[in-house]
């Protein structure tokens, strides 16, 4: 489960067995987790525990760091 990025209290990562899915990122803080698709536009996929206002903040971070997450996704899954 490689970490793609750490920003504040959030860890952005992917699971190594999900390379057959379109590029996406999981974000966690404490026991909360969310998933976002990285194709433009960035889209929310699911949430476990984050409040709506925090999901908005996280989506902004995903959009801000989309390019680096995509690059690291491609590097990890050998698509680069």
Protein backbone atom coordinates (compact mmCIF):
# COMPACT_ATOMS: atom_id res chain seq x y z
CA UNK A 1 0.00 0.00 0.00
CA UNK A 2 2.37 2.69 -1.25
CA UNK A 3 2.02 6.22 0.04
CA UNK A 4 1.79 8.68 -2.84
CA UNK A 5 1.74 11.85 -0.76
CA UNK A 6 1.34 13.16 2.78
CA UNK A 7 -0.34 16.55 3.24
CA UNK A 8 -1.06 17.74 6.77
CA UNK A 9 -2.91 14.97 8.62
CA UNK A 10 -3.81 13.15 5.38
CA UNK A 11 -2.09 10.21 3.75
CA UNK A 12 -2.76 9.68 0.04
CA UNK A 13 -2.12 6.10 -1.09
CA UNK A 14 -3.10 3.29 -3.43
CA UNK A 15 -3.45 -0.44 -2.97
CA UNK A 16 -1.06 -2.56 -5.00
CA UNK A 17 -3.83 -4.93 -6.14
CA UNK A 18 -5.97 -2.19 -7.74
CA UNK A 19 -3.95 -1.58 -10.89
CA UNK A 20 -6.78 -2.87 -13.06
CA UNK A 21 -8.98 0.07 -11.96
CA UNK A 22 -8.69 3.57 -13.41
CA UNK A 23 -6.22 5.79 -11.52
CA UNK A 24 -7.51 6.80 -8.12
CA UNK A 25 -6.28 7.69 -4.68
CA UNK A 26 -7.35 6.69 -1.20
CA UNK A 27 -7.04 9.32 1.52
CA UNK A 28 -6.99 8.53 5.23
CA UNK A 29 -6.81 10.37 8.51
CA UNK A 30 -7.17 8.42 11.73
CA UNK A 31 -10.01 5.91 11.13
CA UNK A 32 -11.57 7.91 8.28
CA UNK A 33 -11.05 7.07 4.62
CA UNK A 34 -12.17 8.33 1.23
CA UNK A 35 -11.51 7.45 -2.40
CA UNK A 36 -11.23 9.81 -5.37
CA UNK A 37 -10.89 9.07 -9.09
CA UNK A 38 -7.95 10.98 -10.57
CA UNK A 39 -9.23 11.36 -14.12
CA UNK A 40 -10.29 14.94 -14.94
CA UNK A 41 -12.39 16.15 -13.39
CA UNK A 42 -11.40 14.60 -10.04
CA UNK A 43 -14.47 12.78 -8.74
CA UNK A 44 -15.42 11.57 -5.30
CA UNK A 45 -15.96 7.79 -5.13
CA UNK A 46 -16.70 6.91 -1.49
CA UNK A 47 -16.37 8.01 2.09
CA UNK A 48 -16.07 6.33 5.47
CA UNK A 49 -16.20 8.78 8.34
CA UNK A 50 -15.23 12.18 6.95
CA UNK A 51 -17.66 15.08 7.45
CA UNK A 52 -18.90 16.77 4.26
CA UNK A 53 -16.85 19.94 4.84
CA UNK A 54 -13.68 17.88 5.29
CA UNK A 55 -14.38 15.93 2.08
CA UNK A 56 -14.57 19.25 0.25
CA UNK A 57 -11.14 20.17 1.64
CA UNK A 58 -9.71 16.76 0.74
CA UNK A 59 -11.07 16.97 -2.81
CA UNK A 60 -9.33 20.33 -3.18
CA UNK A 61 -6.07 18.71 -2.05
CA UNK A 62 -6.54 15.84 -4.49
CA UNK A 63 -7.13 18.33 -7.31
CA UNK A 64 -4.09 20.36 -6.26
CA UNK A 65 -1.82 17.30 -6.17
CA UNK A 66 -3.46 15.32 -8.97
CA UNK A 67 -0.40 15.41 -11.27
CA UNK A 68 2.00 14.03 -8.66
CA UNK A 69 -0.48 11.34 -7.61
CA UNK A 70 -0.96 10.29 -11.24
CA UNK A 71 2.80 10.18 -11.82
CA UNK A 72 3.37 8.04 -8.76
CA UNK A 73 0.39 5.82 -9.68
CA UNK A 74 1.88 5.28 -13.15
CA UNK A 75 5.33 4.61 -11.68
CA UNK A 76 3.94 2.08 -9.19
CA UNK A 77 1.86 0.20 -11.76
CA UNK A 78 4.48 0.44 -14.53
CA UNK A 79 2.39 2.61 -16.84
CA UNK A 80 4.82 5.49 -17.15
